[in-house]
Each structure stands twice: as C-alpha cells, then as structure tokens.
C-alpha cells in the first residue's frame, strides 16, 4: 500500500489563487474538522486483502511499510498493459512473483466549485488505484480505478462536528474498501 495521504478537503473548480482562497475561507471549519478524521479504516484494506488471498490458498507476503511511489523508478519502456513504474526491485526484495498495489491519491472531503461559487455540497471522497502486477513481465493482471464519493444524507452543514458529512466520509472509505476486496472474495 502506498503512503496514505493526509485526510483533507479539496475544492476542484476553484482554479485561480483568489478562488481557492475564497473556497478555503468559506469552508475553514469543515477543513478543520476533516483534518481530524482518521484514515485507518482505509489502511486496513491491506490486511483484509491478505486474508482474502490466503483463504483462496495463495502464499501471501505483506509489505508492512508504506510504499513511497515517488521512490519507485520509472519503467524503461512503455508497452500496452505495462505500469509506468518498475516494481522489480520490490519484487526482488520481498521475493514475490506478483505485487498487489493499493495507491490512495486522495482521501477526505471534496466540494466542487466554479471559480468562487460552490456548485455542489461536499462529499466524502476516496480516490486512487489498485492493481496486480506480474513482476516477471512487468504487466498488469488486474487494474481498478477508485473514485468513491458519498454525499451526506440530510443536512451536511452542521458545524463543528459535521455528523452527516463525517458519515459520508466513512461510507466512501467502506465503498473503496469493498471495491478492492470484491474481485478476490
């Protein structure tokens, strides 16, 4: 599993610096709350995935430390069905034939904007990818984009604890978690 990003808010569509500053100020209490939320529920997908594969009879080696994706070298060539990164060093280090990577790019809450104007209510969000690589051929055997967004049921704007939106955040995590596990159950 890659290094888990910090749980935070994002405001796509607030593109200019002034727009982003206005969106950040308008949602400052939300951002303060979101940054206190844990990401540990998403991190448990690693152990759950290992258990699911063991139940299927596979010999599983769990890489305990988080993978720093920026430290993985670029692949030397570009062919169809080939990752952009070369995972052969990890495969050699852990003596594995296949490598299941879960790379979470964003976790937290997102609210769409059009310049200064919000165009949606905030949503709990988990974005990233999960993929299985055959390290001998450095090709994908399975690839799953993760884009799980959940809206609050009812009113989301209940500062300071935002219970509806907090629940939506955990539902987004559960949706991403289930999506990764589903093909292996």
C-alpha atoms as a PDB file:
ATOM      1  CA  UNK A   1       0.000   0.000   0.000  1.00  0.00           C
ATOM      2  CA  UNK A   2       1.283   3.460  -0.828  1.00  0.00           C
ATOM      3  CA  UNK A   3       1.875   6.172   1.720  1.00  0.00           C
ATOM      4  CA  UNK A   4      -1.585   7.321   2.820  1.00  0.00           C
ATOM      5  CA  UNK A   5      -2.139  10.992   2.008  1.00  0.00           C
ATOM      6  CA  UNK A   6      -3.267  13.391   4.694  1.00  0.00           C
ATOM      7  CA  UNK A   7      -7.045  13.483   5.152  1.00  0.00           C
ATOM      8  CA  UNK A   8      -8.049  16.884   3.803  1.00  0.00           C
ATOM      9  CA  UNK A   9     -10.560  18.913   1.830  1.00  0.00           C
ATOM     10  CA  UNK A  10     -10.298  19.753  -1.847  1.00  0.00           C
ATOM     11  CA  UNK A  11     -12.131  22.295  -3.964  1.00  0.00           C
ATOM     12  CA  UNK A  12     -11.954  21.322  -7.652  1.00  0.00           C
ATOM     13  CA  UNK A  13     -13.017  24.130  -9.930  1.00  0.00           C
ATOM     14  CA  UNK A  14     -11.673  26.875  -7.668  1.00  0.00           C
ATOM     15  CA  UNK A  15      -8.756  27.213 -10.047  1.00  0.00           C
ATOM     16  CA  UNK A  16      -7.248  30.630  -9.519  1.00  0.00           C
ATOM     17  CA  UNK A  17      -5.441  31.523  -6.308  1.00  0.00           C
ATOM     18  CA  UNK A  18      -8.097  34.027  -5.277  1.00  0.00           C
ATOM     19  CA  UNK A  19     -10.874  31.486  -5.961  1.00  0.00           C
ATOM     20  CA  UNK A  20      -9.059  28.845  -3.933  1.00  0.00           C
ATOM     21  CA  UNK A  21      -8.522  31.284  -1.067  1.00  0.00           C
ATOM     22  CA  UNK A  22     -12.236  32.181  -1.073  1.00  0.00           C
ATOM     23  CA  UNK A  23     -13.249  28.491  -1.095  1.00  0.00           C
ATOM     24  CA  UNK A  24     -10.777  27.689   1.678  1.00  0.00           C
ATOM     25  CA  UNK A  25     -12.053  30.524   3.853  1.00  0.00           C
ATOM     26  CA  UNK A  26     -15.705  29.629   3.247  1.00  0.00           C
ATOM     27  CA  UNK A  27     -15.018  26.029   4.289  1.00  0.00           C
ATOM     28  CA  UNK A  28     -12.435  26.599   7.041  1.00  0.00           C
ATOM     29  CA  UNK A  29     -14.467  24.956   9.836  1.00  0.00           C
ATOM     30  CA  UNK A  30     -15.136  21.971   7.558  1.00  0.00           C
ATOM     31  CA  UNK A  31     -11.431  21.660   6.740  1.00  0.00           C
ATOM     32  CA  UNK A  32     -10.515  21.860  10.428  1.00  0.00           C
ATOM     33  CA  UNK A  33     -12.929  19.005  11.182  1.00  0.00           C
ATOM     34  CA  UNK A  34     -11.967  16.846   8.187  1.00  0.00           C
ATOM     35  CA  UNK A  35      -8.276  17.017   9.083  1.00  0.00           C
ATOM     36  CA  UNK A  36      -9.097  15.327  12.416  1.00  0.00           C
ATOM     37  CA  UNK A  37     -10.706  12.280  10.753  1.00  0.00           C
ATOM     38  CA  UNK A  38      -8.727   9.017  10.741  1.00  0.00           C
ATOM     39  CA  UNK A  39      -7.696   7.151   7.604  1.00  0.00           C
ATOM     40  CA  UNK A  40      -7.046   3.893   9.460  1.00  0.00           C
ATOM     41  CA  UNK A  41     -10.223   2.272   8.106  1.00  0.00           C
ATOM     42  CA  UNK A  42      -8.796   2.562   4.589  1.00  0.00           C
ATOM     43  CA  UNK A  43      -5.404   1.286   5.736  1.00  0.00           C
ATOM     44  CA  UNK A  44      -6.970  -1.957   6.994  1.00  0.00           C
ATOM     45  CA  UNK A  45      -7.694  -2.996   3.390  1.00  0.00           C
ATOM     46  CA  UNK A  46      -4.119  -4.344   3.235  1.00  0.00           C
ATOM     47  CA  UNK A  47      -4.721  -6.900   5.997  1.00  0.00           C
ATOM     48  CA  UNK A  48      -8.196  -7.755   4.714  1.00  0.00           C
ATOM     49  CA  UNK A  49      -6.815  -8.341   1.220  1.00  0.00           C
ATOM     50  CA  UNK A  50      -4.070 -10.616   2.569  1.00  0.00           C
ATOM     51  CA  UNK A  51      -6.688 -12.637   4.485  1.00  0.00           C
ATOM     52  CA  UNK A  52      -8.898 -12.971   1.393  1.00  0.00           C
ATOM     53  CA  UNK A  53      -5.972 -14.209  -0.713  1.00  0.00           C
ATOM     54  CA  UNK A  54      -4.850 -16.672   1.975  1.00  0.00           C
ATOM     55  CA  UNK A  55      -8.390 -18.117   2.079  1.00  0.00           C
ATOM     56  CA  UNK A  56      -8.052 -18.723  -1.665  1.00  0.00           C
ATOM     57  CA  UNK A  57      -4.875 -20.707  -0.990  1.00  0.00           C
ATOM     58  CA  UNK A  58      -2.260 -18.161  -2.055  1.00  0.00           C
ATOM     59  CA  UNK A  59       1.046 -17.711  -0.250  1.00  0.00           C
ATOM     60  CA  UNK A  60       0.930 -14.035   0.746  1.00  0.00           C
ATOM     61  CA  UNK A  61       3.771 -11.758   1.814  1.00  0.00           C
ATOM     62  CA  UNK A  62       2.553  -8.489   3.305  1.00  0.00           C
ATOM     63  CA  UNK A  63       4.816  -5.476   2.863  1.00  0.00           C
ATOM     64  CA  UNK A  64       4.350  -3.739   6.192  1.00  0.00           C
ATOM     65  CA  UNK A  65       5.913  -0.380   5.374  1.00  0.00           C
ATOM     66  CA  UNK A  66       4.138   2.053   3.101  1.00  0.00           C
ATOM     67  CA  UNK A  67       5.453   2.187  -0.450  1.00  0.00           C
ATOM     68  CA  UNK A  68       6.756   5.592  -1.489  1.00  0.00           C
ATOM     69  CA  UNK A  69       5.524   5.712  -5.065  1.00  0.00           C
ATOM     70  CA  UNK A  70       7.839   8.619  -5.905  1.00  0.00           C
ATOM     71  CA  UNK A  71      10.815   6.425  -4.984  1.00  0.00           C
ATOM     72  CA  UNK A  72       9.840   3.659  -7.436  1.00  0.00           C
ATOM     73  CA  UNK A  73      11.806   4.144 -10.678  1.00  0.00           C
ATOM     74  CA  UNK A  74      10.065   4.729 -13.984  1.00  0.00           C
ATOM     75  CA  UNK A  75       9.732   1.705 -16.277  1.00  0.00           C
ATOM     76  CA  UNK A  76      12.260   1.651 -19.109  1.00  0.00           C
ATOM     77  CA  UNK A  77       9.731   1.165 -21.870  1.00  0.00           C
ATOM     78  CA  UNK A  78       6.088   1.779 -22.495  1.00  0.00           C
ATOM     79  CA  UNK A  79       4.045  -1.090 -23.798  1.00  0.00           C
ATOM     80  CA  UNK A  80       0.347  -1.843 -23.618  1.00  0.00           C
ATOM     81  CA  UNK A  81      -0.752  -3.108 -20.216  1.00  0.00           C
ATOM     82  CA  UNK A  82       2.516  -2.041 -18.586  1.00  0.00           C
ATOM     83  CA  UNK A  83       2.727   0.157 -15.477  1.00  0.00           C
ATOM     84  CA  UNK A  84       4.685   3.396 -15.658  1.00  0.00           C
ATOM     85  CA  UNK A  85       6.747   2.281 -12.663  1.00  0.00           C
ATOM     86  CA  UNK A  86       9.255  -0.577 -12.469  1.00  0.00           C
ATOM     87  CA  UNK A  87       8.408  -2.663  -9.406  1.00  0.00           C
ATOM     88  CA  UNK A  88      11.158  -5.261  -9.963  1.00  0.00           C
ATOM     89  CA  UNK A  89      13.276  -4.004  -7.035  1.00  0.00           C
ATOM     90  CA  UNK A  90      10.355  -4.520  -4.641  1.00  0.00           C
ATOM     91  CA  UNK A  91       9.703  -7.951  -6.111  1.00  0.00           C
ATOM     92  CA  UNK A  92      13.339  -8.945  -5.600  1.00  0.00           C
ATOM     93  CA  UNK A  93      13.461  -7.553  -2.065  1.00  0.00           C
ATOM     94  CA  UNK A  94      10.343  -9.441  -0.942  1.00  0.00           C
ATOM     95  CA  UNK A  95      10.786 -12.456  -3.256  1.00  0.00           C
ATOM     96  CA  UNK A  96       7.349 -12.255  -4.845  1.00  0.00           C
ATOM     97  CA  UNK A  97       6.058 -13.114  -8.315  1.00  0.00           C
ATOM     98  CA  UNK A  98       3.098 -10.776  -8.207  1.00  0.00           C
ATOM     99  CA  UNK A  99       2.589  -7.499  -6.435  1.00  0.00           C
ATOM    100  CA  UNK A 100      -0.777  -6.078  -5.421  1.00  0.00           C
ATOM    101  CA  UNK A 101      -0.523  -2.297  -5.075  1.00  0.00           C
ATOM    102  CA  UNK A 102      -3.136  -0.075  -3.463  1.00  0.00           C
ATOM    103  CA  UNK A 103      -2.313   3.563  -4.176  1.00  0.00           C
ATOM    104  CA  UNK A 104      -4.597   6.084  -2.483  1.00  0.00           C
ATOM    105  CA  UNK A 105      -4.173   9.520  -4.076  1.00  0.00           C
ATOM    106  CA  UNK A 106      -6.805  11.480  -2.151  1.00  0.00           C
ATOM    107  CA  UNK A 107      -8.902  10.864   0.932  1.00  0.00           C
ATOM    108  CA  UNK A 108     -11.183  13.309   2.684  1.00  0.00           C
ATOM    109  CA  UNK A 109     -13.952  15.623   1.518  1.00  0.00           C
ATOM    110  CA  UNK A 110     -14.367  17.335  -1.840  1.00  0.00           C
ATOM    111  CA  UNK A 111     -16.646  20.209  -2.833  1.00  0.00           C
ATOM    112  CA  UNK A 112     -16.958  21.331  -6.442  1.00  0.00           C
ATOM    113  CA  UNK A 113     -16.653  24.988  -7.319  1.00  0.00           C
ATOM    114  CA  UNK A 114     -16.984  27.154 -10.381  1.00  0.00           C
ATOM    115  CA  UNK A 115     -14.487  29.928  -9.662  1.00  0.00           C
ATOM    116  CA  UNK A 116     -15.836  31.479  -6.411  1.00  0.00           C
ATOM    117  CA  UNK A 117     -19.204  29.722  -6.401  1.00  0.00           C
ATOM    118  CA  UNK A 118     -19.823  26.286  -4.861  1.00  0.00           C
ATOM    119  CA  UNK A 119     -21.671  24.046  -7.331  1.00  0.00           C
ATOM    120  CA  UNK A 120     -22.295  21.107  -5.007  1.00  0.00           C
ATOM    121  CA  UNK A 121     -22.495  20.062  -1.409  1.00  0.00           C
ATOM    122  CA  UNK A 122     -19.309  18.473  -0.055  1.00  0.00           C
ATOM    123  CA  UNK A 123     -18.877  14.717  -0.407  1.00  0.00           C
ATOM    124  CA  UNK A 124     -16.735  12.128   1.347  1.00  0.00           C
ATOM    125  CA  UNK A 125     -14.117  11.002  -1.157  1.00  0.00           C
ATOM    126  CA  UNK A 126     -11.534   8.276  -1.730  1.00  0.00           C
ATOM    127  CA  UNK A 127      -9.584   8.322  -4.999  1.00  0.00           C
ATOM    128  CA  UNK A 128      -6.729   6.139  -6.168  1.00  0.00           C
ATOM    129  CA  UNK A 129      -5.992   2.862  -7.911  1.00  0.00           C
ATOM    130  CA  UNK A 130      -5.484  -0.772  -7.061  1.00  0.00           C
ATOM    131  CA  UNK A 131      -3.638  -3.118  -9.362  1.00  0.00           C
ATOM    132  CA  UNK A 132      -1.966  -6.512  -9.555  1.00  0.00           C
ATOM    133  CA  UNK A 133       1.355  -6.646 -11.376  1.00  0.00           C
ATOM    134  CA  UNK A 134       3.120  -9.707 -12.741  1.00  0.00           C
ATOM    135  CA  UNK A 135       6.638  -8.596 -11.850  1.00  0.00           C
ATOM    136  CA  UNK A 136       8.334 -11.032 -14.236  1.00  0.00           C
ATOM    137  CA  UNK A 137       6.748  -9.386 -17.259  1.00  0.00           C
ATOM    138  CA  UNK A 138       6.037  -6.031 -15.524  1.00  0.00           C
ATOM    139  CA  UNK A 139       2.448  -6.065 -16.788  1.00  0.00           C
ATOM    140  CA  UNK A 140      -0.915  -5.521 -15.182  1.00  0.00           C
ATOM    141  CA  UNK A 141      -3.010  -8.583 -14.439  1.00  0.00           C
ATOM    142  CA  UNK A 142      -5.760  -6.537 -12.791  1.00  0.00           C
ATOM    143  CA  UNK A 143      -6.426  -2.800 -12.567  1.00  0.00           C
ATOM    144  CA  UNK A 144      -9.135  -0.943 -10.659  1.00  0.00           C
ATOM    145  CA  UNK A 145      -9.544   2.840 -10.566  1.00  0.00           C
ATOM    146  CA  UNK A 146     -11.004   4.010  -7.253  1.00  0.00           C
ATOM    147  CA  UNK A 147     -13.287   7.014  -7.208  1.00  0.00           C
ATOM    148  CA  UNK A 148     -15.739   6.678  -4.350  1.00  0.00           C
ATOM    149  CA  UNK A 149     -17.717   9.756  -3.397  1.00  0.00           C
ATOM    150  CA  UNK A 150     -20.616   9.758  -0.956  1.00  0.00           C
ATOM    151  CA  UNK A 151     -22.999  12.580  -0.140  1.00  0.00           C
ATOM    152  CA  UNK A 152     -24.350  13.243   3.311  1.00  0.00           C
ATOM    153  CA  UNK A 153     -27.876  12.018   3.853  1.00  0.00           C
ATOM    154  CA  UNK A 154     -29.763  15.013   5.111  1.00  0.00           C
ATOM    155  CA  UNK A 155     -28.111  18.257   6.115  1.00  0.00           C
ATOM    156  CA  UNK A 156     -24.320  18.299   5.759  1.00  0.00           C
ATOM    157  CA  UNK A 157     -23.662  21.759   7.241  1.00  0.00           C
ATOM    158  CA  UNK A 158     -23.787  21.000  10.963  1.00  0.00           C
ATOM    159  CA  UNK A 159     -20.603  22.540  12.323  1.00  0.00           C
ATOM    160  CA  UNK A 160     -18.451  21.844  14.234  1.00  0.00           C
ATOM    161  CA  UNK A 161     -18.731  18.030  14.052  1.00  0.00           C
ATOM    162  CA  UNK A 162     -20.495  17.686  10.666  1.00  0.00           C
ATOM    163  CA  UNK A 163     -22.095  14.300  11.561  1.00  0.00           C
ATOM    164  CA  UNK A 164     -23.783  13.724   8.184  1.00  0.00           C
ATOM    165  CA  UNK A 165     -20.664  14.514   6.205  1.00  0.00           C
ATOM    166  CA  UNK A 166     -18.478  12.531   8.592  1.00  0.00           C
ATOM    167  CA  UNK A 167     -20.720   9.525   7.985  1.00  0.00           C
ATOM    168  CA  UNK A 168     -20.451  10.100   4.216  1.00  0.00           C
ATOM    169  CA  UNK A 169     -16.642  10.128   4.537  1.00  0.00           C
ATOM    170  CA  UNK A 170     -16.661   6.725   6.261  1.00  0.00           C
ATOM    171  CA  UNK A 171     -19.133   5.387   3.672  1.00  0.00           C
ATOM    172  CA  UNK A 172     -16.731   6.441   0.893  1.00  0.00           C
ATOM    173  CA  UNK A 173     -13.923   4.569   2.650  1.00  0.00           C
ATOM    174  CA  UNK A 174     -16.109   1.481   3.025  1.00  0.00           C
ATOM    175  CA  UNK A 175     -17.090   1.660  -0.652  1.00  0.00           C
ATOM    176  CA  UNK A 176     -13.454   1.826  -1.768  1.00  0.00           C
ATOM    177  CA  UNK A 177     -12.505  -0.951   0.658  1.00  0.00           C
ATOM    178  CA  UNK A 178     -15.281  -3.229  -0.636  1.00  0.00           C
ATOM    179  CA  UNK A 179     -14.457  -2.451  -4.281  1.00  0.00           C
ATOM    180  CA  UNK A 180     -10.847  -3.566  -3.813  1.00  0.00           C
ATOM    181  CA  UNK A 181     -11.810  -6.767  -1.980  1.00  0.00           C
ATOM    182  CA  UNK A 182     -14.790  -7.794  -4.134  1.00  0.00           C
ATOM    183  CA  UNK A 183     -12.872  -9.422  -7.031  1.00  0.00           C
ATOM    184  CA  UNK A 184     -10.861 -11.548  -4.576  1.00  0.00           C
ATOM    185  CA  UNK A 185     -13.726 -12.855  -2.425  1.00  0.00           C
END
